[in-house]
Protein backbone atom coordinates (compact mmCIF):
# COMPACT_ATOMS: atom_id res chain seq x y z
CA UNK A 1 12.78 -68.26 -35.25
CA UNK A 2 13.59 -70.80 -38.24
CA UNK A 3 9.85 -70.54 -39.21
CA UNK A 4 10.29 -67.06 -40.19
CA UNK A 5 12.96 -67.81 -42.97
CA UNK A 6 10.78 -68.58 -45.67
CA UNK A 7 13.35 -68.14 -48.56
CA UNK A 8 17.08 -68.96 -48.78
CA UNK A 9 16.34 -72.29 -50.14
CA UNK A 10 19.80 -72.40 -52.34
CA UNK A 11 21.69 -70.72 -49.55
CA UNK A 12 20.73 -73.17 -46.87
CA UNK A 13 21.27 -76.33 -48.76
CA UNK A 14 24.75 -75.16 -49.95
CA UNK A 15 25.63 -74.22 -46.42
CA UNK A 16 24.33 -77.51 -44.75
CA UNK A 17 26.80 -78.30 -43.37
CA UNK A 18 28.80 -69.54 -34.30
CA UNK A 19 36.33 -61.65 -31.43
CA UNK A 20 33.14 -61.12 -29.22
CA UNK A 21 32.08 -57.55 -29.86
CA UNK A 22 30.60 -55.43 -27.23
CA UNK A 23 26.74 -55.54 -27.69
CA UNK A 24 24.75 -52.23 -27.46
CA UNK A 25 21.47 -51.97 -25.77
CA UNK A 26 19.78 -49.77 -28.29
CA UNK A 27 20.30 -48.69 -31.71
CA UNK A 28 21.28 -45.02 -30.76
CA UNK A 29 24.08 -46.43 -28.60
CA UNK A 30 26.23 -47.26 -31.81
CA UNK A 31 27.92 -44.70 -34.05
CA UNK A 32 25.90 -44.23 -37.34
CA UNK A 33 26.94 -46.70 -40.21
CA UNK A 34 28.15 -44.98 -43.38
CA UNK A 35 26.66 -46.72 -46.18
CA UNK A 36 28.74 -47.05 -49.40
CA UNK A 37 26.32 -48.49 -51.70
CA UNK A 38 27.04 -49.56 -55.12
CA UNK A 39 25.02 -48.43 -58.27
CA UNK A 40 26.00 -51.48 -60.40
CA UNK A 41 27.22 -55.00 -59.80
CA UNK A 42 30.10 -55.60 -61.88
CA UNK A 43 31.60 -58.95 -60.65
CA UNK A 44 30.17 -62.40 -60.08
CA UNK A 45 31.10 -62.17 -56.28
CA UNK A 46 28.91 -58.94 -55.97
CA UNK A 47 26.10 -60.47 -57.87
CA UNK A 48 26.08 -63.42 -55.80
CA UNK A 49 26.45 -61.32 -52.43
CA UNK A 50 23.66 -58.91 -53.61
CA UNK A 51 21.29 -61.96 -54.49
CA UNK A 52 21.98 -63.74 -51.07
CA UNK A 53 21.36 -60.56 -49.47
CA UNK A 54 18.17 -60.11 -51.20
CA UNK A 55 16.96 -63.68 -50.50
CA UNK A 56 17.64 -63.36 -46.97
CA UNK A 57 16.12 -59.85 -46.66
CA UNK A 58 12.73 -61.27 -48.49
CA UNK A 59 12.89 -64.20 -45.94
CA UNK A 60 13.02 -61.55 -42.80
CA UNK A 61 10.47 -59.20 -43.97
CA UNK A 62 8.14 -60.41 -41.39
CA UNK A 63 10.78 -59.40 -38.91
CA UNK A 64 11.79 -55.98 -40.67
CA UNK A 65 9.91 -53.44 -38.55
CA UNK A 66 11.53 -54.90 -35.41
CA UNK A 67 15.15 -55.33 -36.86
CA UNK A 68 18.42 -53.35 -36.48
CA UNK A 69 20.36 -54.20 -39.42
CA UNK A 70 23.39 -52.82 -37.85
CA UNK A 71 22.94 -55.21 -35.02
CA UNK A 72 22.61 -58.09 -37.28
CA UNK A 73 25.68 -57.00 -39.37
CA UNK A 74 27.66 -57.06 -35.97
CA UNK A 75 26.26 -60.54 -34.98
CA UNK A 76 27.00 -62.09 -38.32
CA UNK A 77 30.70 -60.65 -38.40
CA UNK A 78 31.34 -62.05 -35.10
CA UNK A 79 30.07 -65.52 -36.11
CA UNK A 80 32.32 -65.19 -39.29
CA UNK A 81 35.15 -64.71 -36.76
CA UNK A 82 34.41 -67.88 -35.00
CA UNK A 83 32.69 -66.60 -31.94
CA UNK A 84 29.65 -67.88 -30.01
CA UNK A 85 26.68 -65.69 -29.78
CA UNK A 86 27.12 -63.05 -27.28
CA UNK A 87 23.44 -63.14 -26.52
CA UNK A 88 22.53 -65.93 -24.14
CA UNK A 89 19.96 -68.61 -24.73
CA UNK A 90 17.76 -66.99 -22.01
CA UNK A 91 17.67 -63.64 -23.81
CA UNK A 92 17.43 -65.41 -27.14
CA UNK A 93 14.44 -67.05 -26.14
CA UNK A 94 12.67 -64.03 -24.53
CA UNK A 95 13.44 -61.99 -27.60
CA UNK A 96 12.17 -64.60 -29.97
CA UNK A 97 8.90 -64.83 -28.01
CA UNK A 98 8.26 -61.29 -28.10
CA UNK A 99 9.10 -60.86 -31.70
CA UNK A 100 6.73 -63.78 -32.41
CA UNK A 101 3.97 -61.90 -30.66
CA UNK A 102 4.60 -58.81 -32.59
CA UNK A 103 4.52 -60.46 -35.85
CA UNK A 104 1.22 -62.23 -35.03
CA UNK A 105 -0.20 -58.92 -34.13
CA UNK A 106 0.81 -57.33 -37.36
CA UNK A 107 -0.45 -60.32 -39.14
CA UNK A 108 -3.86 -60.32 -37.24
CA UNK A 109 -3.21 -63.79 -35.76
CA UNK A 110 -4.23 -64.73 -32.24
CA UNK A 111 -1.28 -64.85 -29.81
CA UNK A 112 -1.68 -67.83 -27.38
CA UNK A 113 -1.87 -66.68 -23.92
CA UNK A 114 -2.70 -63.05 -24.57
CA UNK A 115 -5.76 -61.25 -23.64
CA UNK A 116 -8.14 -59.98 -26.42
CA UNK A 117 -7.09 -56.49 -27.50
CA UNK A 118 -3.89 -56.45 -25.50
CA UNK A 119 -0.83 -54.88 -27.07
CA UNK A 120 2.17 -56.84 -27.97
CA UNK A 121 5.17 -56.61 -25.96
CA UNK A 122 7.88 -54.21 -26.78
CA UNK A 123 11.21 -55.50 -28.25
CA UNK A 124 14.66 -54.10 -28.52
CA UNK A 125 15.47 -53.86 -32.22
CA UNK A 126 19.23 -54.31 -31.35
CA UNK A 127 18.53 -57.64 -29.67
CA UNK A 128 16.29 -58.78 -32.53
CA UNK A 129 19.26 -58.05 -34.82
CA UNK A 130 21.78 -59.84 -32.68
CA UNK A 131 19.39 -62.68 -32.21
CA UNK A 132 18.90 -63.03 -36.05
CA UNK A 133 22.39 -62.50 -36.92
CA UNK A 134 23.74 -64.75 -34.18
CA UNK A 135 21.30 -67.69 -34.58
CA UNK A 136 20.13 -67.86 -38.19
CA UNK A 137 21.95 -65.70 -40.69
CA UNK A 138 25.45 -66.10 -39.28
CA UNK A 139 25.44 -69.86 -38.99
CA UNK A 140 23.66 -70.34 -42.28
CA UNK A 141 26.23 -67.98 -44.28
CA UNK A 142 29.47 -69.05 -42.16
CA UNK A 143 30.00 -72.01 -44.45
CA UNK A 144 30.40 -69.84 -47.57
CA UNK A 145 31.80 -66.55 -45.65
CA UNK A 146 34.53 -66.10 -48.09
CA UNK A 147 32.48 -65.88 -51.04
CA UNK A 148 30.28 -63.09 -49.67
CA UNK A 149 31.08 -59.59 -49.77
CA UNK A 150 29.38 -58.13 -46.59
CA UNK A 151 28.68 -54.83 -47.79
CA UNK A 152 27.01 -55.82 -51.03
CA UNK A 153 25.18 -58.56 -49.08
CA UNK A 154 23.83 -56.00 -46.62
CA UNK A 155 22.84 -53.63 -49.50
CA UNK A 156 20.75 -56.48 -51.16
CA UNK A 157 19.30 -57.27 -47.68
CA UNK A 158 18.27 -53.70 -46.84
CA UNK A 159 16.87 -53.20 -50.48
CA UNK A 160 14.61 -56.13 -49.81
CA UNK A 161 13.45 -55.34 -46.16
CA UNK A 162 12.73 -51.75 -47.33
CA UNK A 163 10.96 -52.73 -50.58
CA UNK A 164 13.32 -50.58 -52.88
CA UNK A 165 14.19 -51.16 -56.44
CA UNK A 166 16.85 -53.97 -56.55
CA UNK A 167 19.77 -54.07 -59.00
CA UNK A 168 18.98 -57.63 -59.95
CA UNK A 169 15.59 -58.56 -61.21
CA UNK A 170 13.97 -61.48 -59.55
CA UNK A 171 14.58 -64.08 -62.17
CA UNK A 172 18.18 -63.12 -62.53
CA UNK A 173 18.78 -63.28 -58.56
CA UNK A 174 17.27 -66.70 -58.67
CA UNK A 175 19.63 -67.63 -61.97
CA UNK A 176 22.66 -66.27 -59.89
CA UNK A 177 21.73 -68.38 -56.64
CA UNK A 178 21.20 -71.62 -58.54
CA UNK A 179 24.57 -71.28 -60.15
CA UNK A 180 26.16 -70.44 -57.09
CA UNK A 181 24.52 -73.32 -55.47
CA UNK A 182 25.61 -75.73 -58.06
CA UNK A 183 29.33 -74.36 -57.86
CA UNK A 184 29.55 -74.69 -54.03
CA UNK A 185 28.09 -78.23 -54.28
CA UNK A 186 30.79 -79.15 -56.78
CA UNK A 187 33.50 -77.53 -54.77
CA UNK A 188 32.20 -79.44 -51.67
CA UNK A 189 32.20 -82.67 -53.30
CA UNK A 190 35.80 -82.04 -54.50
CA UNK A 191 36.79 -81.14 -50.96
CA UNK A 192 35.17 -84.02 -49.59
CA UNK A 193 36.73 -86.59 -51.94
CA UNK A 194 40.22 -85.10 -51.28
CA UNK A 195 39.56 -85.42 -47.49
CA UNK A 196 38.54 -89.02 -48.06
CA UNK A 197 41.59 -90.05 -50.02
CA UNK A 198 43.65 -88.26 -47.15
CA UNK A 199 41.69 -89.88 -44.51
CA UNK A 200 42.01 -93.32 -46.04
CA UNK A 201 45.68 -93.10 -46.66
CA UNK A 202 46.36 -91.72 -43.05
CA UNK A 203 44.08 -94.55 -41.45
CA UNK A 204 45.61 -97.26 -43.60
CA UNK A 205 49.22 -96.20 -42.33
CA UNK A 206 47.95 -96.11 -38.87
CA UNK A 207 46.23 -99.32 -38.77
CA UNK A 208 49.49 -101.04 -40.46
CA UNK A 209 51.60 -99.82 -37.82
CA UNK A 210 49.19 -100.06 -35.04
CA UNK A 211 48.80 -103.96 -35.76
CA UNK A 212 52.31 -104.66 -34.68
CA UNK A 213 51.54 -103.48 -30.99
CA UNK A 214 51.45 -105.90 -28.22
CA UNK A 215 47.93 -106.82 -27.40
CA UNK A 216 46.43 -105.61 -30.64
CA UNK A 217 44.47 -107.95 -32.72
CA UNK A 218 43.01 -107.72 -36.06
CA UNK A 219 40.06 -109.63 -37.47
CA UNK A 220 39.61 -110.58 -41.02
CA UNK A 221 37.56 -107.77 -41.68
CA UNK A 222 40.32 -105.28 -40.53
CA UNK A 223 38.83 -104.46 -37.33
CA UNK A 224 41.60 -104.01 -34.69
CA UNK A 225 41.12 -104.44 -30.85
CA UNK A 226 42.63 -104.82 -27.82
CA UNK A 227 41.16 -106.14 -24.32
CA UNK A 228 41.46 -103.65 -21.69
CA UNK A 229 39.46 -105.53 -19.22
CA UNK A 230 38.04 -109.16 -19.70
CA UNK A 231 34.65 -109.93 -18.79
CA UNK A 232 33.08 -113.22 -17.61
CA UNK A 233 29.33 -112.62 -18.87
CA UNK A 234 27.50 -113.86 -21.97
CA UNK A 235 28.44 -112.54 -25.23
CA UNK A 236 25.48 -110.65 -27.09
CA UNK A 237 24.56 -111.86 -30.62
CA UNK A 238 24.50 -109.34 -33.56
CA UNK A 239 20.60 -108.99 -33.03
CA UNK A 240 20.59 -108.07 -29.29
CA UNK A 241 20.16 -104.95 -27.67
CA UNK A 242 23.25 -103.85 -25.22
CA UNK A 243 23.80 -101.27 -22.49
CA UNK A 244 27.31 -99.70 -23.03
CA UNK A 245 29.74 -96.85 -21.94
CA UNK A 246 31.84 -95.74 -24.44
CA UNK A 247 34.38 -93.05 -25.51
CA UNK A 248 35.06 -92.44 -29.10
CA UNK A 249 37.90 -90.26 -30.79
CA UNK A 250 39.51 -89.49 -34.18
CA UNK A 251 43.18 -90.47 -34.63
CA UNK A 252 44.26 -87.02 -33.63
CA UNK A 253 42.51 -87.65 -30.46
CA UNK A 254 39.56 -85.37 -30.82
CA UNK A 255 36.51 -86.41 -28.88
CA UNK A 256 33.49 -86.57 -31.12
CA UNK A 257 31.22 -88.61 -28.77
CA UNK A 258 31.42 -90.07 -25.25
CA UNK A 259 28.79 -91.58 -22.85
CA UNK A 260 30.96 -91.17 -20.04
CA UNK A 261 31.13 -87.41 -20.90
CA UNK A 262 27.26 -87.39 -20.82
CA UNK A 263 27.12 -89.29 -17.54
CA UNK A 264 24.77 -91.94 -18.89
CA UNK A 265 25.12 -95.26 -20.65
CA UNK A 266 23.82 -95.73 -24.08
CA UNK A 267 21.21 -98.39 -25.06
CA UNK A 268 20.88 -99.66 -28.93
CA UNK A 269 20.59 -102.88 -30.98
CA UNK A 270 23.84 -104.42 -32.20
CA UNK A 271 22.26 -104.10 -35.77
CA UNK A 272 21.53 -100.47 -35.67
CA UNK A 273 25.04 -99.24 -35.50
CA UNK A 274 28.19 -99.08 -37.57
CA UNK A 275 29.56 -102.53 -38.91
CA UNK A 276 32.55 -101.98 -36.65
CA UNK A 277 30.36 -101.84 -33.49
CA UNK A 278 28.34 -104.69 -34.61
CA UNK A 279 31.20 -107.19 -34.90
CA UNK A 280 33.31 -105.71 -32.18
CA UNK A 281 30.74 -105.66 -29.41
CA UNK A 282 29.56 -109.16 -30.41
CA UNK A 283 33.12 -110.43 -29.33
CA UNK A 284 32.83 -109.03 -25.81
CA UNK A 285 31.54 -110.68 -22.90
CA UNK A 286 29.51 -108.76 -20.39
CA UNK A 287 31.68 -106.92 -18.04
CA UNK A 288 34.60 -106.62 -20.41
CA UNK A 289 36.13 -103.41 -21.71
CA UNK A 290 37.76 -103.26 -25.15
CA UNK A 291 39.42 -100.67 -27.23
CA UNK A 292 38.64 -100.76 -30.95
CA UNK A 293 40.25 -99.18 -33.92
CA UNK A 294 37.58 -99.13 -36.87
CA UNK A 295 38.53 -98.51 -40.45
CA UNK A 296 36.67 -96.08 -42.38
CA UNK A 297 34.68 -98.73 -44.36
CA UNK A 298 33.51 -100.33 -41.31
CA UNK A 299 32.70 -96.69 -39.73
CA UNK A 300 30.82 -94.11 -41.46
CA UNK A 301 32.39 -94.59 -44.82
CA UNK A 302 32.88 -92.02 -47.78
CA UNK A 303 29.97 -89.78 -46.47
CA UNK A 304 31.32 -89.33 -42.75
CA UNK A 305 28.74 -87.68 -40.69
CA UNK A 306 26.94 -84.52 -42.20
CA UNK A 307 28.42 -81.23 -41.00
CA UNK A 308 31.10 -83.15 -38.93
CA UNK A 309 32.80 -84.11 -36.88
CA UNK A 310 33.85 -87.47 -38.38
CA UNK A 311 35.18 -86.90 -41.93
CA UNK A 312 35.01 -89.21 -44.84
CA UNK A 313 36.79 -92.58 -44.43
CA UNK A 314 37.85 -91.53 -41.23
CA UNK A 315 39.42 -94.31 -38.91
CA UNK A 316 37.81 -94.07 -35.27
CA UNK A 317 39.02 -95.41 -32.09
CA UNK A 318 36.50 -96.51 -29.42
CA UNK A 319 36.91 -97.57 -25.85
CA UNK A 320 33.83 -99.52 -24.84
CA UNK A 321 32.56 -101.06 -21.77
CA UNK A 322 29.80 -103.91 -22.28
CA UNK A 323 27.70 -103.47 -19.32
CA UNK A 324 24.72 -105.76 -19.90
CA UNK A 325 22.52 -107.52 -22.49
CA UNK A 326 18.90 -106.24 -22.52
CA UNK A 327 15.83 -108.32 -23.14
């Protein structure tokens, strides 16, 4: 499906970073949507919403003949409310495959596995709308949902899909999206800086208190550790590959990664991981299990992990079990 999204460059760059509603089986099962369309865009918010709608609508033109916009709206609103898609992965995959075949047929492109001259499969327009809204448009817009006026966005989207006369010229729409993208980028940078300073302060306070805990040791770099179980094997060199089990959390207890939960140990080179791991695991003999508290500058630094869950300058806690050193 992502291949169908040809536009939305500014929108998706800015976003990079899903109240379950009953799903209708067909368009006619829902009450008619009353359109209250604007005849003039008077605020920056309206212009941004309309321009985004135009951009998304242009991207979705290949899907347009098979798309129920009302179902798309319902799905997007559900994603905005913090819900997961109501469509199962199996339904989504089946709908996606049928949709691709119909688009290929319209464009005169051979469909892999289809007999020559065969008709493309039927597709439920409501399901297409749910698919596009739940897995493409909703997640892309969610990070900027507070900036989007839904009715105006949908008006721009419908105008683009239907080939109507837009209220924004193409050049003006591009200018609006570029300015909006720059503003959102500045806003995200400011928020990241504030979060980074907050995380740095909270982490430093935690580590200052934690080092007084019995059994906690602090290295010159600031890494803190506790021996949960001692081992009697060889210690790895910083250039060795190792097999480990581990459990990683934020200071508030949020689990962001765990090989235990995946049910499979991890293997990697100690020179390929964050500095706190390189230093800490190299201190462990095989068979040992340590707990590490890693300051932000020895973890993921000022950038954190893109899209979360590790924020900028976040202090991390890991329980690590060194199982073996690999050849």
